[in-house]
Amino acid sequence: MNRRIIQPVKFSVLFVSAAVALAAMPAGGGRYTDSHIILDDVFKSIDNVKTLTYTMVYSERLEAGRMHIDSNDVKFQKAPRKIYMKTSDGTEVLWVADTNKNRAFVHPNSFPYATLLLDPDGSLMRKDQHHNVTSTGYDYFEGILKLAAGNLGNEFDSHFLYLGEVVFNGVKCYNIKVIEPAFKYVQYIVQKGETVLTIAKKLGLSEYMILQHNNLNSYSSIVAGKTIMVPNSYAKAMTLYIDKTTALPVFIKVEDEKGLFEQYTFRNISVNPAITANEFSRKDKEYHF
């Protein structure tokens, strides 16, 4: 763990570990205690996802406490990584890794109805968005898990609570509450070549949380040697509803010291459906690029 952080980052590994632990729990009860086995199951489960389609309804807190509420219809392919997304207002986004200098095609469905080619982390695409389009898919959380796993130690049971089963949107789920009572911001000294994005990825944190807390204008507007404040964990508390059948999240609620930070509901999830190459191309006749 980077020694420049006053307190190690531990939260991200906890919430996914807890989720998979409960999803793997025997029907008659019982409880897994070997976190390494649980993490192995997490990685295997995520690795088995090759393609996904789903609808995501989300709320994300922005400046001055304003909540951004929207929904996306998503098509996702892991390798090679390809993403198509359509928002509730008809805006379409198409991103394919290692093409077009890793920029995304965006059709805004408004005047002048022109297709744009934009940086996924640029000001236009990241405006009022906690995450960029390239982080779509469950493997994003796998990366957070692997980076944070070494900080878990023997504190697993004191950070996650299994609250029984719930039915959410008609889906039988495990209800998991994850807490980090010591959540706070700590000093971090920016190293040469680092950006908010690389720091967040390295430490398993929310880049938007870092951006907002430090009143930064962009994810690259920091310089080496500067001291910024970063959270010591991904969140103060998180609620997860995990589909008992698929072991995938259908609801994620994230809270920080101010209350609700972000919330995601996943509907109509289809795991490993057949998606044609044309569906990740501007040539698809259903698209407007």
Foldseek 3Di string as FASTA:
>chain_A
DDPLWPFAAAFLLQVLLVLQQVLPADPVGDGDQPSVVSLVVSVVLQVQFFKKWWKKWKWAADPPRDIDTWMKTWIFGVVQTWIWIAIPLGKIWTFTPPPPVRWIWIQGNDPPRDIDTGDQQDPVNCPVHQDGPSCPGPVVSNLLNVLNVVVHPNCNVVFKDFPAWDQDPNFIWTKMKGADQPKDKTKGFDAAPDWLVVVCSNRVEGSSVQCVVQVHPGRRPDHGGDIGIDINYRARMKIFTAGSVSSHTQKIFGHHPVGTRMIMGIGPMDGPDDDDPCVSDPPPPVDSD
